[in-house]
Each structure stands twice: as C-alpha cells, then as structure tokens.
C-alpha cells in the first residue's frame, strides 16, 4: 500500500509503507473495511462488501433539524444497480 499526500504546490506523492518489488502494482487503501462511513463520506460510494452505513453527524443536530432531517435520514444503503 501507498499513502498519498500533496505538497503546497499541489504535487502528488505516493509513499510506500513497505518495500515494493519493481514491477509490482501500487495499491491505495480506501479505509477500514469494518467502518465504511469514512469511505462513503469521502468518496461517495460503498464497497461491495458493505450493505450500508450510518452517517455520523451527531454533533450537527441543530443544522440537520433546520434542513428537515432526523437521525433516521442518515442511514444509507448500497444500491444494487
């Protein structure tokens, strides 16, 4: 796996977390497979192994209510096509 970072000029760096043999593919981790919420929040999709996720905006209750949402609106399921 590699970690992606950007410098102040917007240049992208891929830093290997261990020695990678020449010709091997580089892989990026999209996050912890046991907690798909950050994956959904950052990339807008769920992995095939994740049937659903709960968006954790508990600290924004007033803002949610002002928009007409409740905690029940924060459960998202992966569509099947």
Protein backbone atom coordinates (compact mmCIF):
# COMPACT_ATOMS: atom_id res chain seq x y z
CA UNK A 1 0.00 0.00 0.00
CA UNK A 2 0.99 3.60 -0.53
CA UNK A 3 -0.02 6.76 1.26
CA UNK A 4 -0.95 9.68 -0.93
CA UNK A 5 -0.04 13.22 0.08
CA UNK A 6 0.15 16.60 -1.63
CA UNK A 7 2.60 19.45 -1.15
CA UNK A 8 1.78 23.16 -1.11
CA UNK A 9 2.11 23.28 -4.93
CA UNK A 10 -0.46 20.52 -5.38
CA UNK A 11 2.15 17.94 -6.39
CA UNK A 12 1.10 14.40 -5.52
CA UNK A 13 3.39 11.97 -3.68
CA UNK A 14 2.85 8.23 -3.25
CA UNK A 15 4.90 6.97 -0.31
CA UNK A 16 5.28 3.20 0.09
CA UNK A 17 4.59 1.82 3.56
CA UNK A 18 6.98 -1.08 2.89
CA UNK A 19 9.47 -2.21 0.23
CA UNK A 20 7.70 -2.93 -3.05
CA UNK A 21 9.41 -5.09 -5.67
CA UNK A 22 9.94 -3.50 -9.09
CA UNK A 23 7.01 -4.10 -11.41
CA UNK A 24 4.53 -4.71 -8.59
CA UNK A 25 1.28 -2.73 -8.54
CA UNK A 26 0.81 0.13 -6.10
CA UNK A 27 -2.34 -0.03 -4.00
CA UNK A 28 -4.20 2.64 -2.08
CA UNK A 29 -6.32 1.74 0.94
CA UNK A 30 -9.73 3.41 0.97
CA UNK A 31 -10.06 2.86 4.70
CA UNK A 32 -11.11 0.41 7.36
CA UNK A 33 -13.44 -2.22 5.86
CA UNK A 34 -15.16 -2.65 9.24
CA UNK A 35 -16.27 1.01 9.28
CA UNK A 36 -17.46 2.13 5.82
CA UNK A 37 -18.67 5.56 6.95
CA UNK A 38 -15.44 7.45 6.11
CA UNK A 39 -15.32 5.71 2.73
CA UNK A 40 -18.85 6.88 1.93
CA UNK A 41 -18.26 10.39 3.28
CA UNK A 42 -15.00 10.94 1.41
CA UNK A 43 -15.55 9.11 -1.87
CA UNK A 44 -19.36 8.91 -2.11
CA UNK A 45 -19.63 5.15 -2.58
CA UNK A 46 -19.67 1.94 -0.57
CA UNK A 47 -17.54 -1.13 -1.15
CA UNK A 48 -19.42 -4.22 -2.40
CA UNK A 49 -18.93 -5.89 0.99
CA UNK A 50 -20.71 -3.03 2.81
CA UNK A 51 -24.51 -3.27 2.64
CA UNK A 52 -24.98 0.13 4.27
CA UNK A 53 -23.54 2.78 6.53
CA UNK A 54 -24.70 5.33 9.07
CA UNK A 55 -23.53 8.89 8.52
CA UNK A 56 -22.23 10.09 11.89
CA UNK A 57 -23.31 13.73 12.11
CA UNK A 58 -24.48 13.52 15.71
CA UNK A 59 -22.73 16.79 16.56
CA UNK A 60 -24.77 18.67 13.92
CA UNK A 61 -28.28 18.02 15.26
CA UNK A 62 -29.44 21.66 15.05
CA UNK A 63 -28.22 22.02 11.46
CA UNK A 64 -29.89 18.73 10.48
CA UNK A 65 -33.19 19.76 12.03
CA UNK A 66 -33.02 23.14 10.27
CA UNK A 67 -32.76 21.23 6.98
CA UNK A 68 -35.66 18.97 7.93
CA UNK A 69 -33.60 15.84 8.62
CA UNK A 70 -33.57 13.44 11.56
CA UNK A 71 -31.13 10.70 12.51
CA UNK A 72 -33.24 8.20 10.56
CA UNK A 73 -32.24 10.05 7.37
CA UNK A 74 -28.58 9.21 7.99
CA UNK A 75 -28.70 5.51 7.09
CA UNK A 76 -27.51 4.83 3.55
CA UNK A 77 -27.69 1.52 1.70
CA UNK A 78 -25.64 0.40 -1.24
CA UNK A 79 -27.80 0.20 -4.35
CA UNK A 80 -27.84 -2.95 -6.43
CA UNK A 81 -27.70 -1.29 -9.82
